[in-house]
């Protein structure tokens, strides 16, 4: 029998439907997915051996769950993906405000309707996409919002006294009966509101304005929170933490490959950008390394975290920087340049919390320096390390490049608005760069080679072999001591 033909309680009994709690529902469906080797949380990367096994264990244990971690660690995404572990449809008493189970009604409305209609009680079906409720914890949230309150207008319209439980207006939690209910940023919820959750989590019932209600709500609670020691935040009250079955710690991607996968999946890139801008692999790695550097920077508050959204918006800005340059120049195709990374600075400055020393430096300066630090970190993976001190007369792989700049009277300038051919010709003019790439990176494509050439120049600056000056129209590279010697 198809569910569209099951319209009454009698039909449901004839169909042989067995009701179960939402926690049992999640558990049973998870067991089937695990047995069939199916992916339980599609599109979440980097958690396969850490967070996801813990989350699966919590679901198998039928626990309410708290996901604890810094911003941008896919906490809300994990919560929403739990919908896929629910049955596609469940029946409920038609007209019920709180999705009453026809076999286990809890509201006065459903109890009286079933008593009156019996097997003719009408039922409806609720799709799993409608079984998700979410509330962002803010200081203005009240008990009435999330649990309920007496509705004087309803009392007046129905001509009922305030002693009649039919005057109750249910809040978000009772209306999420038989659903997944998520409270985001739980520490931001006022302590008195957190206290109101005690009974719901432990006994499964609610209390409204002194009414002796025992609504045995069937809810899968999932909370998200930042660590409690985050500056100026509240905390989760201890008795509430005690009532949450599992607390699971989330984390940022642990390697560049995973971070790249997440960024590529989440970034909103239009087709015209994909066809206009060629992005070298090194550029993608460098972008992720900038975020890794930000998480380790002494100028950035580690307690606030550096969200994965930084690399997502930075990639979008990076491609837009190259696209804009191509549009101005009238080029149909362009290759991403390292100097285009200046375009990601607005993506960084809005997503980092600076410590006092960082505030003194300025957000834009800190962001720009992160790019240099990323170059410095990745450089040894592609080329020989640059020694700070060398023995006298000892030759190094970069001597010819440094000498080329030493013999250059004026600085070597890479303007931001150069057309691709002009940009390539300029870099080709630094002939020692061609020799270096030929020896250490002989298999590079032509387009990638120009990004790598600029990468080498930036790295030589970071290792104090060259100097670099950023000005409005572009970047100038010079021998660090040339101007001093020439001025003597």
Protein backbone atom coordinates (compact mmCIF):
# COMPACT_ATOMS: atom_id res chain seq x y z
CA UNK A 1 0.00 0.00 0.00
CA UNK A 2 1.35 3.45 -0.97
CA UNK A 3 1.45 6.09 1.73
CA UNK A 4 -0.83 8.43 -0.26
CA UNK A 5 -3.56 5.78 0.20
CA UNK A 6 -3.03 5.65 3.96
CA UNK A 7 -5.27 8.44 5.22
CA UNK A 8 -6.68 7.20 8.52
CA UNK A 9 -5.47 5.53 11.69
CA UNK A 10 -7.25 2.37 10.59
CA UNK A 11 -5.36 2.35 7.29
CA UNK A 12 -2.12 2.75 9.22
CA UNK A 13 -2.92 -0.24 11.44
CA UNK A 14 -3.84 -2.33 8.40
CA UNK A 15 -0.55 -1.34 6.74
CA UNK A 16 1.28 -2.70 9.79
CA UNK A 17 3.20 0.47 10.52
CA UNK A 18 5.37 0.37 13.63
CA UNK A 19 6.20 3.67 15.29
CA UNK A 20 9.62 4.32 16.81
CA UNK A 21 11.34 7.23 18.51
CA UNK A 22 13.49 9.56 16.43
CA UNK A 23 16.64 8.33 18.18
CA UNK A 24 15.77 4.72 17.29
CA UNK A 25 14.97 5.84 13.76
CA UNK A 26 18.39 7.48 13.39
CA UNK A 27 20.10 4.48 14.95
CA UNK A 28 18.38 1.89 12.73
CA UNK A 29 19.05 3.80 9.52
CA UNK A 30 22.68 4.40 10.49
CA UNK A 31 23.14 0.69 11.12
CA UNK A 32 21.86 -0.05 7.61
CA UNK A 33 24.20 2.52 6.06
CA UNK A 34 27.19 1.13 7.92
CA UNK A 35 26.30 -2.44 6.91
CA UNK A 36 26.02 -1.42 3.26
CA UNK A 37 29.28 0.59 3.39
CA UNK A 38 27.44 3.81 2.47
CA UNK A 39 28.81 7.28 3.21
CA UNK A 40 26.89 8.63 6.20
CA UNK A 41 27.89 12.30 5.98
CA UNK A 42 28.35 13.14 2.31
CA UNK A 43 30.47 16.17 1.45
CA UNK A 44 32.27 16.45 4.80
CA UNK A 45 36.03 16.03 4.38
CA UNK A 46 38.81 15.51 6.90
CA UNK A 47 36.60 13.97 9.61
CA UNK A 48 36.61 10.35 8.40
CA UNK A 49 38.85 9.13 11.22
CA UNK A 50 37.99 11.66 13.91
CA UNK A 51 34.63 13.42 14.15
CA UNK A 52 32.41 11.14 12.05
CA UNK A 53 33.19 7.92 14.00
CA UNK A 54 32.44 9.77 17.26
CA UNK A 55 29.21 11.16 15.82
CA UNK A 56 28.16 7.71 14.64
CA UNK A 57 28.88 6.26 18.08
CA UNK A 58 26.74 8.99 19.67
CA UNK A 59 23.85 8.22 17.31
CA UNK A 60 24.13 4.49 18.01
CA UNK A 61 24.04 5.37 21.73
CA UNK A 62 20.90 7.50 21.14
CA UNK A 63 22.55 10.53 22.73
CA UNK A 64 21.81 14.20 22.48
CA UNK A 65 24.95 15.73 21.02
CA UNK A 66 27.06 18.86 21.43
CA UNK A 67 29.49 19.71 18.61
CA UNK A 68 32.24 21.82 20.17
CA UNK A 69 34.67 23.64 17.93
CA UNK A 70 35.84 26.91 16.44
CA UNK A 71 33.96 28.71 13.70
CA UNK A 72 33.96 27.28 10.19
CA UNK A 73 34.38 23.63 11.22
CA UNK A 74 31.21 22.26 9.53
CA UNK A 75 29.24 21.89 12.78
CA UNK A 76 25.94 23.09 11.33
CA UNK A 77 26.51 21.12 8.12
CA UNK A 78 26.92 17.91 10.13
CA UNK A 79 23.67 18.65 11.95
CA UNK A 80 21.77 19.17 8.70
CA UNK A 81 23.22 16.02 7.15
CA UNK A 82 21.67 13.99 9.98
CA UNK A 83 18.37 14.46 8.13
CA UNK A 84 19.57 11.79 5.68
CA UNK A 85 19.42 9.25 8.51
CA UNK A 86 15.68 9.77 9.05
CA UNK A 87 12.89 7.74 7.42
CA UNK A 88 11.63 9.42 4.28
CA UNK A 89 8.08 9.86 5.67
CA UNK A 90 6.43 9.47 9.08
CA UNK A 91 2.68 9.65 9.87
CA UNK A 92 1.21 12.21 12.27
CA UNK A 93 -2.27 13.14 13.45
CA UNK A 94 -3.65 15.60 10.92
CA UNK A 95 -3.98 19.12 12.35
CA UNK A 96 -1.63 18.49 15.27
CA UNK A 97 0.66 21.40 16.12
CA UNK A 98 3.31 19.08 17.52
CA UNK A 99 3.37 16.22 14.99
CA UNK A 100 1.62 13.72 17.26
CA UNK A 101 2.44 10.08 16.59
CA UNK A 102 -0.95 8.41 15.84
CA UNK A 103 0.06 5.44 18.03
CA UNK A 104 1.51 7.54 20.86
CA UNK A 105 -0.39 10.87 20.94
CA UNK A 106 0.69 13.37 23.61
CA UNK A 107 -1.25 16.58 22.94
CA UNK A 108 -4.77 17.18 24.20
CA UNK A 109 -5.91 17.83 20.62
CA UNK A 110 -4.67 14.46 19.33
CA UNK A 111 -5.87 12.47 22.36
CA UNK A 112 -9.40 13.88 22.10
CA UNK A 113 -9.53 13.46 18.31
CA UNK A 114 -8.47 9.79 18.47
CA UNK A 115 -10.91 9.17 21.32
CA UNK A 116 -13.69 10.67 19.23
CA UNK A 117 -12.85 9.35 15.74
CA UNK A 118 -11.09 6.07 16.55
CA UNK A 119 -9.78 4.33 13.43
CA UNK A 120 -11.25 7.11 11.29
CA UNK A 121 -8.79 9.64 12.77
CA UNK A 122 -7.27 11.44 9.79
CA UNK A 123 -3.49 11.30 9.42
CA UNK A 124 -0.94 13.14 7.29
CA UNK A 125 2.63 12.34 6.31
CA UNK A 126 5.68 14.39 7.21
CA UNK A 127 8.71 14.31 4.90
CA UNK A 128 12.16 14.19 6.50
CA UNK A 129 13.07 17.56 4.94
CA UNK A 130 10.44 19.12 7.23
CA UNK A 131 11.82 17.47 10.34
CA UNK A 132 14.63 19.91 11.02
CA UNK A 133 14.32 22.93 13.30
CA UNK A 134 17.14 25.33 14.03
CA UNK A 135 17.56 28.22 16.43
CA UNK A 136 20.51 30.57 16.71
CA UNK A 137 21.10 31.33 20.38
CA UNK A 138 20.97 35.08 20.91
CA UNK A 139 20.63 37.11 24.14
CA UNK A 140 17.02 38.05 23.30
CA UNK A 141 15.73 34.46 23.18
CA UNK A 142 13.04 33.84 25.80
CA UNK A 143 11.54 30.76 27.41
CA UNK A 144 8.29 31.57 25.60
CA UNK A 145 10.12 31.45 22.25
CA UNK A 146 11.58 28.01 22.67
CA UNK A 147 9.12 26.25 25.03
CA UNK A 148 5.86 28.18 24.99
CA UNK A 149 3.55 30.49 26.91
CA UNK A 150 -0.07 31.27 27.63
CA UNK A 151 -1.73 32.99 24.67
CA UNK A 152 -4.28 35.56 25.94
CA UNK A 153 -5.69 36.10 22.43
CA UNK A 154 -6.41 32.39 22.05
CA UNK A 155 -8.02 32.39 25.51
CA UNK A 156 -10.26 35.30 24.55
CA UNK A 157 -11.25 33.85 21.16
CA UNK A 158 -12.06 30.42 22.60
CA UNK A 159 -13.59 31.94 25.76
CA UNK A 160 -11.37 29.80 27.98
CA UNK A 161 -9.89 30.53 31.39
CA UNK A 162 -6.14 30.69 31.88
CA UNK A 163 -6.44 27.43 33.82
CA UNK A 164 -7.32 25.53 30.61
CA UNK A 165 -4.28 24.06 28.85
CA UNK A 166 -5.83 24.83 25.46
CA UNK A 167 -4.72 28.45 25.89
CA UNK A 168 -1.07 27.40 25.57
CA UNK A 169 0.88 28.52 22.53
CA UNK A 170 3.67 26.02 21.92
CA UNK A 171 7.20 27.26 21.34
CA UNK A 172 9.81 26.00 18.88
CA UNK A 173 10.83 22.90 20.81
CA UNK A 174 7.35 21.32 21.25
CA UNK A 175 6.61 22.13 17.60
CA UNK A 176 9.79 20.20 16.72
CA UNK A 177 8.42 17.01 18.29
CA UNK A 178 9.75 13.97 16.37
CA UNK A 179 12.31 16.22 14.65
CA UNK A 180 15.97 17.13 14.90
CA UNK A 181 16.29 20.36 16.86
CA UNK A 182 19.53 22.32 16.63
CA UNK A 183 20.58 25.19 18.89
CA UNK A 184 23.56 26.96 17.38
CA UNK A 185 26.10 28.80 19.59
CA UNK A 186 24.69 27.36 22.82
CA UNK A 187 27.00 29.40 25.14
CA UNK A 188 25.33 32.58 23.88
CA UNK A 189 22.01 31.40 25.34
CA UNK A 190 21.30 33.09 28.66
CA UNK A 191 21.84 30.84 31.67
CA UNK A 192 18.16 31.01 32.71
CA UNK A 193 17.13 29.80 29.24
CA UNK A 194 19.64 26.95 29.42
CA UNK A 195 18.09 25.95 32.75
CA UNK A 196 14.71 25.69 31.01
CA UNK A 197 16.17 22.88 28.88
CA UNK A 198 16.99 20.64 31.86
CA UNK A 199 13.67 18.79 32.03
CA UNK A 200 13.38 18.42 28.28
CA UNK A 201 16.76 16.74 28.03
CA UNK A 202 16.47 14.48 31.08
CA UNK A 203 12.78 13.63 31.47
CA UNK A 204 11.61 14.60 27.99
CA UNK A 205 8.76 16.77 29.27
CA UNK A 206 8.02 20.51 29.34
CA UNK A 207 6.63 22.95 31.91
CA UNK A 208 4.72 26.07 30.86
CA UNK A 209 3.51 28.76 33.27
CA UNK A 210 2.76 26.33 36.08
CA UNK A 211 0.65 23.95 33.97
CA UNK A 212 1.11 20.34 35.04
CA UNK A 213 1.94 19.16 31.57
CA UNK A 214 3.93 16.04 30.92
CA UNK A 215 4.40 16.15 27.20
CA UNK A 216 6.85 13.34 26.53
CA UNK A 217 8.53 15.05 23.62
CA UNK A 218 10.48 12.91 21.17
CA UNK A 219 13.36 15.08 19.93
CA UNK A 220 16.94 14.58 18.81
CA UNK A 221 18.79 17.56 20.22
CA UNK A 222 22.01 18.72 18.65
CA UNK A 223 23.91 21.73 19.98
CA UNK A 224 26.83 23.59 18.48
CA UNK A 225 29.23 25.71 20.48
CA UNK A 226 32.57 27.45 20.36
CA UNK A 227 35.02 26.65 23.17
CA UNK A 228 33.94 28.32 26.39
CA UNK A 229 37.20 30.18 26.84
CA UNK A 230 36.59 32.24 23.69
CA UNK A 231 36.84 35.94 24.58
CA UNK A 232 33.64 37.65 25.79
CA UNK A 233 31.44 34.58 25.29
CA UNK A 234 29.15 32.94 27.80
CA UNK A 235 29.42 29.33 28.85
CA UNK A 236 27.30 26.20 28.95
CA UNK A 237 25.95 25.79 32.48
CA UNK A 238 27.35 22.67 34.12
CA UNK A 239 24.04 20.81 34.78
CA UNK A 240 23.10 21.25 31.11
CA UNK A 241 26.44 19.85 29.94
CA UNK A 242 25.84 16.91 32.27
CA UNK A 243 22.57 16.15 30.48
CA UNK A 244 24.09 16.13 26.97
CA UNK A 245 25.10 12.57 26.16
CA UNK A 246 28.10 13.16 23.87
CA UNK A 247 30.33 16.16 23.35
CA UNK A 248 32.32 15.90 20.13
CA UNK A 249 35.31 18.10 19.32
CA UNK A 250 35.57 19.30 15.73
CA UNK A 251 38.75 20.60 14.09
CA UNK A 252 40.16 22.31 11.01
CA UNK A 253 41.60 20.35 8.05
CA UNK A 254 44.92 18.83 8.98
CA UNK A 255 46.54 18.92 5.53
CA UNK A 256 46.48 21.07 2.41
CA UNK A 257 44.95 18.34 0.23
CA UNK A 258 41.84 18.10 2.43
CA UNK A 259 41.60 21.89 2.72
CA UNK A 260 41.77 22.21 -1.09
CA UNK A 261 38.97 19.67 -1.47
CA UNK A 262 36.72 21.63 0.89
CA UNK A 263 37.49 24.98 -0.75
CA UNK A 264 36.89 23.64 -4.26
CA UNK A 265 33.59 22.07 -3.16
CA UNK A 266 32.24 25.15 -1.39
CA UNK A 267 33.55 28.05 -3.50
CA UNK A 268 30.96 29.71 -5.73
CA UNK A 269 32.77 30.08 -9.05
CA UNK A 270 30.88 30.97 -12.21
CA UNK A 271 31.56 29.14 -15.45
CA UNK A 272 32.95 32.23 -17.16
CA UNK A 273 35.67 32.47 -14.48
CA UNK A 274 36.57 28.81 -14.93
CA UNK A 275 36.98 29.32 -18.67
CA UNK A 276 38.85 32.63 -18.36
CA UNK A 277 41.34 32.01 -15.54
CA UNK A 278 43.94 29.22 -15.55
CA UNK A 279 44.79 28.31 -11.94
CA UNK A 280 48.11 26.51 -11.31
CA UNK A 281 48.12 23.77 -8.68
CA UNK A 282 50.74 25.68 -6.73
CA UNK A 283 48.36 28.66 -6.49
CA UNK A 284 45.68 26.47 -4.88
CA UNK A 285 48.19 25.05 -2.41
CA UNK A 286 49.49 28.52 -1.63
CA UNK A 287 45.97 29.78 -0.93
CA UNK A 288 45.40 27.01 1.64
CA UNK A 289 48.83 27.60 3.14
CA UNK A 290 47.86 31.23 3.78
CA UNK A 291 45.02 29.95 5.99
CA UNK A 292 47.35 27.51 7.77
CA UNK A 293 49.75 30.40 8.43
CA UNK A 294 46.88 32.51 9.80
CA UNK A 295 46.03 29.77 12.33
CA UNK A 296 49.61 29.79 13.56
CA UNK A 297 50.23 33.56 13.42
CA UNK A 298 51.25 35.33 16.61
CA UNK A 299 49.22 38.34 15.48
CA UNK A 300 45.92 36.45 15.25
CA UNK A 301 43.84 35.27 18.22
CA UNK A 302 43.98 31.47 18.07
CA UNK A 303 40.99 31.16 20.42
CA UNK A 304 38.66 32.77 17.89
CA UNK A 305 39.85 30.47 15.10
CA UNK A 306 40.29 31.06 11.39
CA UNK A 307 37.23 29.80 9.56
CA UNK A 308 37.34 27.53 6.50
CA UNK A 309 35.18 30.24 4.93
CA UNK A 310 38.35 32.33 4.66
CA UNK A 311 39.87 30.09 1.99
CA UNK A 312 36.50 29.77 0.21
CA UNK A 313 35.95 33.51 -0.15
CA UNK A 314 39.67 34.03 -0.82
CA UNK A 315 39.52 31.68 -3.83
CA UNK A 316 36.49 33.54 -5.14
CA UNK A 317 38.31 36.87 -4.71
CA UNK A 318 41.50 35.48 -6.25
CA UNK A 319 39.76 34.38 -9.44
CA UNK A 320 37.84 37.65 -9.60
CA UNK A 321 41.12 39.59 -9.36
CA UNK A 322 42.54 37.74 -12.36
CA UNK A 323 39.23 37.97 -14.24
CA UNK A 324 39.01 41.74 -13.71
CA UNK A 325 42.55 42.18 -14.98
CA UNK A 326 41.73 40.15 -18.09
CA UNK A 327 38.56 42.16 -18.71
CA UNK A 328 40.42 45.46 -18.48
CA UNK A 329 43.16 44.22 -20.81
CA UNK A 330 40.69 42.68 -23.21
CA UNK A 331 42.25 39.20 -22.85
CA UNK A 332 40.03 36.20 -23.43
CA UNK A 333 42.26 33.95 -21.30
CA UNK A 334 44.67 34.67 -18.46
CA UNK A 335 46.84 32.71 -16.06
CA UNK A 336 46.67 33.47 -12.37
CA UNK A 337 49.67 35.41 -11.01
CA UNK A 338 51.11 35.47 -7.55
CA UNK A 339 50.64 39.23 -7.48
CA UNK A 340 46.89 38.53 -7.83
CA UNK A 341 47.02 37.28 -4.24
CA UNK A 342 46.84 40.91 -3.14
CA UNK A 343 43.16 40.57 -4.07
CA UNK A 344 42.50 38.10 -1.25
CA UNK A 345 43.37 40.60 1.49
CA UNK A 346 39.73 41.76 1.91
CA UNK A 347 38.76 38.11 2.44
CA UNK A 348 41.30 37.82 5.26
CA UNK A 349 40.82 41.08 7.14
CA UNK A 350 37.14 40.45 7.88
CA UNK A 351 37.66 36.91 9.14
CA UNK A 352 40.50 37.22 11.64
CA UNK A 353 40.53 38.47 15.21
CA UNK A 354 43.80 40.26 15.95
CA UNK A 355 45.62 40.31 19.27
CA UNK A 356 47.07 43.60 20.53
CA UNK A 357 50.29 43.27 18.50
CA UNK A 358 48.26 42.53 15.39
CA UNK A 359 46.12 45.61 15.93
CA UNK A 360 49.32 47.66 16.06
CA UNK A 361 50.46 46.19 12.74
CA UNK A 362 47.06 46.63 11.10
CA UNK A 363 44.79 43.95 9.61
CA UNK A 364 45.83 44.63 6.00
CA UNK A 365 49.56 44.42 6.82
CA UNK A 366 49.06 41.17 8.75
CA UNK A 367 47.07 39.73 5.84
CA UNK A 368 49.70 40.75 3.28
CA UNK A 369 52.49 39.25 5.41
CA UNK A 370 50.59 35.96 5.62
CA UNK A 371 51.00 35.56 1.86
CA UNK A 372 54.77 35.95 2.23
CA UNK A 373 54.85 33.44 5.10
CA UNK A 374 52.91 30.94 2.97
CA UNK A 375 55.43 31.34 0.14
CA UNK A 376 58.27 30.79 2.59
CA UNK A 377 56.69 27.62 3.98
CA UNK A 378 55.97 26.01 0.59
CA UNK A 379 59.19 26.99 -1.19
CA UNK A 380 61.41 24.14 0.17
CA UNK A 381 58.94 21.59 -1.28
CA UNK A 382 59.82 22.70 -4.81
CA UNK A 383 63.37 24.08 -4.67
CA UNK A 384 66.52 23.65 -2.56
CA UNK A 385 66.48 25.41 0.78
CA UNK A 386 68.07 28.83 1.04
CA UNK A 387 70.81 28.95 3.64
CA UNK A 388 71.04 32.10 5.75
CA UNK A 389 74.81 31.81 5.93
CA UNK A 390 77.06 30.26 3.28
CA UNK A 391 80.75 29.50 3.29
CA UNK A 392 82.90 31.99 1.42
CA UNK A 393 83.16 31.26 -2.32
CA UNK A 394 80.51 28.50 -2.02
CA UNK A 395 78.12 28.59 -4.98
CA UNK A 396 74.37 28.31 -4.49
CA UNK A 397 71.51 27.60 -6.91
CA UNK A 398 70.20 31.17 -6.60
CA UNK A 399 73.46 33.08 -7.03
CA UNK A 400 72.84 33.85 -10.70
CA UNK A 401 69.39 35.27 -9.96
CA UNK A 402 70.70 37.43 -7.12
CA UNK A 403 73.58 38.63 -9.31
CA UNK A 404 71.12 39.52 -12.07
CA UNK A 405 69.30 41.83 -9.69
CA UNK A 406 72.57 43.16 -8.26
CA UNK A 407 73.59 44.30 -11.74
CA UNK A 408 70.19 45.90 -12.36
CA UNK A 409 70.40 49.64 -11.87
CA UNK A 410 66.67 50.22 -11.51
CA UNK A 411 64.20 47.90 -9.82
CA UNK A 412 62.38 45.12 -11.62
CA UNK A 413 58.70 46.09 -11.70
CA UNK A 414 55.72 43.81 -12.25
CA UNK A 415 52.69 46.04 -12.82
CA UNK A 416 49.26 44.72 -11.86
CA UNK A 417 47.62 45.64 -15.18
CA UNK A 418 50.20 44.07 -17.50
CA UNK A 419 48.73 42.01 -20.31
CA UNK A 420 49.74 38.36 -20.22
CA UNK A 421 52.33 38.65 -23.01
CA UNK A 422 53.99 41.65 -21.36
CA UNK A 423 54.01 39.84 -18.01
CA UNK A 424 55.57 36.73 -19.55
CA UNK A 425 58.17 38.71 -21.49
CA UNK A 426 59.23 40.51 -18.32
CA UNK A 427 59.71 37.28 -16.37
CA UNK A 428 61.49 35.66 -19.33
CA UNK A 429 63.95 38.53 -19.26
CA UNK A 430 65.22 37.22 -15.89
CA UNK A 431 67.18 34.49 -17.70
CA UNK A 432 68.59 32.79 -14.57
CA UNK A 433 64.98 31.94 -13.59
CA UNK A 434 64.65 29.86 -16.75
CA UNK A 435 67.77 27.88 -15.84
CA UNK A 436 66.55 27.30 -12.26
CA UNK A 437 63.17 25.97 -13.40
CA UNK A 438 64.83 23.85 -16.06
CA UNK A 439 66.97 22.14 -13.43
CA UNK A 440 64.53 21.72 -10.54
CA UNK A 441 61.04 21.85 -12.12
CA UNK A 442 61.54 20.64 -15.71
CA UNK A 443 58.01 19.24 -16.16
CA UNK A 444 56.06 22.44 -15.55
CA UNK A 445 53.55 23.55 -18.19
CA UNK A 446 54.22 26.90 -19.82
CA UNK A 447 51.34 28.62 -17.99
CA UNK A 448 52.37 27.24 -14.58
CA UNK A 449 56.01 28.18 -15.11
CA UNK A 450 55.32 31.92 -14.93
CA UNK A 451 53.49 31.60 -11.63
CA UNK A 452 56.43 29.57 -10.30
CA UNK A 453 58.94 32.18 -11.53
CA UNK A 454 57.17 34.87 -9.56
CA UNK A 455 56.93 32.43 -6.66
CA UNK A 456 60.75 32.12 -6.68
CA UNK A 457 61.14 35.92 -6.57
CA UNK A 458 58.75 36.22 -3.61
CA UNK A 459 60.62 33.40 -1.83
CA UNK A 460 63.99 35.11 -2.33
CA UNK A 461 62.46 38.19 -0.71
CA UNK A 462 61.20 36.17 2.25
CA UNK A 463 64.66 34.65 2.71
CA UNK A 464 66.24 38.14 2.59
CA UNK A 465 68.05 37.58 -0.72
CA UNK A 466 66.01 40.24 -2.53
CA UNK A 467 63.82 43.15 -1.44
CA UNK A 468 60.24 43.79 -2.49
CA UNK A 469 58.19 46.95 -2.42
CA UNK A 470 54.44 47.06 -2.94
CA UNK A 471 53.09 50.25 -4.50
CA UNK A 472 49.71 51.23 -5.89
CA UNK A 473 50.23 49.94 -9.44
CA UNK A 474 52.30 46.83 -8.75
CA UNK A 475 55.38 45.31 -7.12
CA UNK A 476 59.06 46.18 -7.42
CA UNK A 477 61.86 43.65 -6.79
CA UNK A 478 65.43 44.83 -6.09
CA UNK A 479 68.73 43.66 -4.75
CA UNK A 480 68.48 44.45 -1.02
CA UNK A 481 71.87 46.19 -0.89
CA UNK A 482 72.10 47.61 -4.41
CA UNK A 483 70.60 51.00 -3.68
CA UNK A 484 72.82 51.37 -0.61
CA UNK A 485 76.02 50.50 -2.49
CA UNK A 486 75.12 52.62 -5.52
CA UNK A 487 74.48 55.57 -3.26
CA UNK A 488 77.99 55.53 -1.72
